[in-house]
Amino acid sequence: QVQLVESGGGLVQAGGSLRLSCTASGSIRSINVMGWYRQAPGKQRELVASITFGGSTHYADSVKGRFTISRDNAKNTVSLQMNSLKPDDTAVYYCNMEVLTILYRRSEHWGQGTQVTVSS
């Protein structure tokens, strides 16, 4: 029912910027927490940033000061502005949302993943 579609991944040089976006569609009443995760080959998926409905944010220490998460509740969209990118940021990035459906059922959904590659 609920689908998350990501966009904005790509190849960028170290020090550059990239902006990821993720939009949810389906039988959605509201979305509580929105977040971005990433996973590099051979590593566990890690939380990069999250944002609550009220706008409270959390960032992994590794991206603090460089990445900014934001949301547009009217569009059911979460974005991740990534600045001063480093090769260690290279990973597949996944958006995640805690969705309250129109039937008041809470569920978690993932985007398809988008590749971010930062060249040295």
C-alpha atoms as a PDB file:
ATOM      1  CA  GLN A   1       0.000   0.000   0.000  1.00  0.00           C
ATOM      2  CA  VAL A   2       2.524   2.583   1.142  1.00  0.00           C
ATOM      3  CA  GLN A   3       5.461   3.187  -1.147  1.00  0.00           C
ATOM      4  CA  LEU A   4       8.545   5.344  -0.706  1.00  0.00           C
ATOM      5  CA  VAL A   5      10.415   6.576  -3.769  1.00  0.00           C
ATOM      6  CA  GLU A   6      13.867   8.106  -3.489  1.00  0.00           C
ATOM      7  CA  SER A   7      15.750  10.404  -5.821  1.00  0.00           C
ATOM      8  CA  GLY A   8      18.895  12.499  -5.892  1.00  0.00           C
ATOM      9  CA  GLY A   9      21.688   9.969  -5.604  1.00  0.00           C
ATOM     10  CA  GLY A  10      24.717  10.075  -7.831  1.00  0.00           C
ATOM     11  CA  LEU A  11      28.439  10.606  -8.149  1.00  0.00           C
ATOM     12  CA  VAL A  12      30.093  13.629  -6.603  1.00  0.00           C
ATOM     13  CA  GLN A  13      33.636  14.696  -5.809  1.00  0.00           C
ATOM     14  CA  ALA A  14      34.873  14.974  -2.247  1.00  0.00           C
ATOM     15  CA  GLY A  15      33.843  18.295  -0.779  1.00  0.00           C
ATOM     16  CA  GLY A  16      30.802  18.499  -2.996  1.00  0.00           C
ATOM     17  CA  SER A  17      27.113  18.462  -2.173  1.00  0.00           C
ATOM     18  CA  LEU A  18      24.149  16.295  -2.952  1.00  0.00           C
ATOM     19  CA  ARG A  19      20.483  16.437  -1.994  1.00  0.00           C
ATOM     20  CA  LEU A  20      18.363  13.335  -1.538  1.00  0.00           C
ATOM     21  CA  SER A  21      14.581  13.334  -1.512  1.00  0.00           C
ATOM     22  CA  CYS A  22      12.051  10.682  -0.599  1.00  0.00           C
ATOM     23  CA  THR A  23       8.309  10.886  -1.153  1.00  0.00           C
ATOM     24  CA  ALA A  24       5.698   8.555   0.308  1.00  0.00           C
ATOM     25  CA  SER A  25       2.433   7.674  -1.369  1.00  0.00           C
ATOM     26  CA  GLY A  26      -0.544   5.519  -0.488  1.00  0.00           C
ATOM     27  CA  SER A  27      -3.247   5.445   2.155  1.00  0.00           C
ATOM     28  CA  ILE A  28      -1.433   7.775   4.517  1.00  0.00           C
ATOM     29  CA  ARG A  29      -3.045   9.750   7.296  1.00  0.00           C
ATOM     30  CA  SER A  30       0.173  11.124   8.751  1.00  0.00           C
ATOM     31  CA  ILE A  31       3.835  10.294   9.207  1.00  0.00           C
ATOM     32  CA  ASN A  32       5.525  10.345  12.590  1.00  0.00           C
ATOM     33  CA  VAL A  33       9.276   9.913  12.219  1.00  0.00           C
ATOM     34  CA  MET A  34      11.134  10.241   8.933  1.00  0.00           C
ATOM     35  CA  GLY A  35      14.740   9.206   8.614  1.00  0.00           C
ATOM     36  CA  TRP A  36      17.673   8.398   6.402  1.00  0.00           C
ATOM     37  CA  TYR A  37      19.868   5.330   6.744  1.00  0.00           C
ATOM     38  CA  ARG A  38      22.891   4.232   4.764  1.00  0.00           C
ATOM     39  CA  GLN A  39      24.691   0.975   4.153  1.00  0.00           C
ATOM     40  CA  ALA A  40      28.132   0.476   2.677  1.00  0.00           C
ATOM     41  CA  PRO A  41      29.265  -2.934   1.349  1.00  0.00           C
ATOM     42  CA  GLY A  42      30.166  -5.267   4.193  1.00  0.00           C
ATOM     43  CA  LYS A  43      28.815  -2.904   6.827  1.00  0.00           C
ATOM     44  CA  GLN A  44      25.624  -2.702   8.837  1.00  0.00           C
ATOM     45  CA  ARG A  45      22.913  -0.254   7.958  1.00  0.00           C
ATOM     46  CA  GLU A  46      23.220   2.820  10.140  1.00  0.00           C
ATOM     47  CA  LEU A  47      20.958   5.711  10.996  1.00  0.00           C
ATOM     48  CA  VAL A  48      22.210   8.920   9.434  1.00  0.00           C
ATOM     49  CA  ALA A  49      19.523  11.377  10.478  1.00  0.00           C
ATOM     50  CA  SER A  50      15.924  11.463  11.616  1.00  0.00           C
ATOM     51  CA  ILE A  51      13.239  14.072  12.102  1.00  0.00           C
ATOM     52  CA  THR A  52       9.996  13.953  14.054  1.00  0.00           C
ATOM     53  CA  PHE A  53       6.642  15.369  13.046  1.00  0.00           C
ATOM     54  CA  GLY A  54       7.372  18.396  15.213  1.00  0.00           C
ATOM     55  CA  GLY A  55      10.747  18.976  13.590  1.00  0.00           C
ATOM     56  CA  SER A  56      13.123  17.595  16.214  1.00  0.00           C
ATOM     57  CA  THR A  57      16.235  16.216  14.531  1.00  0.00           C
ATOM     58  CA  HIS A  58      18.898  13.661  15.311  1.00  0.00           C
ATOM     59  CA  TYR A  59      22.178  13.146  13.470  1.00  0.00           C
ATOM     60  CA  ALA A  60      24.880  10.555  13.562  1.00  0.00           C
ATOM     61  CA  ASP A  61      28.101  12.035  14.900  1.00  0.00           C
ATOM     62  CA  SER A  62      29.831  11.291  11.613  1.00  0.00           C
ATOM     63  CA  VAL A  63      27.548  13.637   9.661  1.00  0.00           C
ATOM     64  CA  LYS A  64      26.776  16.282  12.258  1.00  0.00           C
ATOM     65  CA  GLY A  65      27.430  19.738  10.889  1.00  0.00           C
ATOM     66  CA  ARG A  66      27.531  18.510   7.296  1.00  0.00           C
ATOM     67  CA  PHE A  67      24.103  16.993   6.666  1.00  0.00           C
ATOM     68  CA  THR A  68      20.692  18.560   7.190  1.00  0.00           C
ATOM     69  CA  ILE A  69      17.425  16.650   7.278  1.00  0.00           C
ATOM     70  CA  SER A  70      14.113  18.350   6.573  1.00  0.00           C
ATOM     71  CA  ARG A  71      10.522  17.378   5.857  1.00  0.00           C
ATOM     72  CA  ASP A  72       7.484  18.672   4.046  1.00  0.00           C
ATOM     73  CA  ASN A  73       4.428  17.223   5.735  1.00  0.00           C
ATOM     74  CA  ALA A  74       2.051  18.457   3.041  1.00  0.00           C
ATOM     75  CA  LYS A  75       3.996  16.497   0.429  1.00  0.00           C
ATOM     76  CA  ASN A  76       4.939  13.516   2.621  1.00  0.00           C
ATOM     77  CA  THR A  77       8.539  14.175   1.694  1.00  0.00           C
ATOM     78  CA  VAL A  78      11.809  13.970   3.586  1.00  0.00           C
ATOM     79  CA  SER A  79      15.040  15.410   2.232  1.00  0.00           C
ATOM     80  CA  LEU A  80      18.689  15.124   3.146  1.00  0.00           C
ATOM     81  CA  GLN A  81      21.032  17.917   2.181  1.00  0.00           C
ATOM     82  CA  MET A  82      24.568  16.551   2.201  1.00  0.00           C
ATOM     83  CA  ASN A  83      27.442  19.026   2.152  1.00  0.00           C
ATOM     84  CA  SER A  84      31.206  18.622   2.441  1.00  0.00           C
ATOM     85  CA  LEU A  85      30.888  15.037   1.298  1.00  0.00           C
ATOM     86  CA  LYS A  86      33.669  12.581   2.053  1.00  0.00           C
ATOM     87  CA  PRO A  87      34.579   9.259   0.425  1.00  0.00           C
ATOM     88  CA  ASP A  88      33.435   7.557   3.646  1.00  0.00           C
ATOM     89  CA  ASP A  89      29.927   8.818   2.895  1.00  0.00           C
ATOM     90  CA  THR A  90      29.790   6.443  -0.071  1.00  0.00           C
ATOM     91  CA  ALA A  91      26.896   4.049   0.498  1.00  0.00           C
ATOM     92  CA  VAL A  92      23.394   3.155  -0.531  1.00  0.00           C
ATOM     93  CA  TYR A  93      21.053   5.563   1.204  1.00  0.00           C
ATOM     94  CA  TYR A  94      17.589   4.465   2.283  1.00  0.00           C
ATOM     95  CA  CYS A  95      14.744   6.603   3.537  1.00  0.00           C
ATOM     96  CA  ASN A  96      12.509   5.274   6.279  1.00  0.00           C
ATOM     97  CA  MET A  97       9.153   6.468   7.542  1.00  0.00           C
ATOM     98  CA  GLU A  98       6.844   5.529  10.382  1.00  0.00           C
ATOM     99  CA  VAL A  99       3.454   5.848   8.711  1.00  0.00           C
ATOM    100  CA  LEU A 100       0.004   6.089  10.234  1.00  0.00           C
ATOM    101  CA  THR A 101      -2.435   4.811   7.619  1.00  0.00           C
ATOM    102  CA  ILE A 102      -5.940   6.125   7.086  1.00  0.00           C
ATOM    103  CA  LEU A 103      -7.138   3.148   9.141  1.00  0.00           C
ATOM    104  CA  TYR A 104      -4.946   4.289  12.046  1.00  0.00           C
ATOM    105  CA  ARG A 105      -2.494   1.447  11.639  1.00  0.00           C
ATOM    106  CA  ARG A 106       1.141   2.311  12.226  1.00  0.00           C
ATOM    107  CA  SER A 107       3.731   0.717   9.984  1.00  0.00           C
ATOM    108  CA  GLU A 108       7.328   1.218   8.920  1.00  0.00           C
ATOM    109  CA  HIS A 109       8.392   1.551   5.285  1.00  0.00           C
ATOM    110  CA  TRP A 110      11.644   1.772   3.363  1.00  0.00           C
ATOM    111  CA  GLY A 111      12.634   3.409   0.133  1.00  0.00           C
ATOM    112  CA  GLN A 112      14.280   1.456  -2.662  1.00  0.00           C
ATOM    113  CA  GLY A 113      17.712   2.855  -1.924  1.00  0.00           C
ATOM    114  CA  THR A 114      19.806   5.284  -3.915  1.00  0.00           C
ATOM    115  CA  GLN A 115      23.551   5.061  -4.505  1.00  0.00           C
ATOM    116  CA  VAL A 116      25.752   7.910  -3.338  1.00  0.00           C
ATOM    117  CA  THR A 117      29.351   7.716  -4.472  1.00  0.00           C
ATOM    118  CA  VAL A 118      31.934  10.255  -3.348  1.00  0.00           C
ATOM    119  CA  SER A 119      35.194  10.169  -5.258  1.00  0.00           C
ATOM    120  CA  SER A 120      38.509  11.094  -3.669  1.00  0.00           C
END
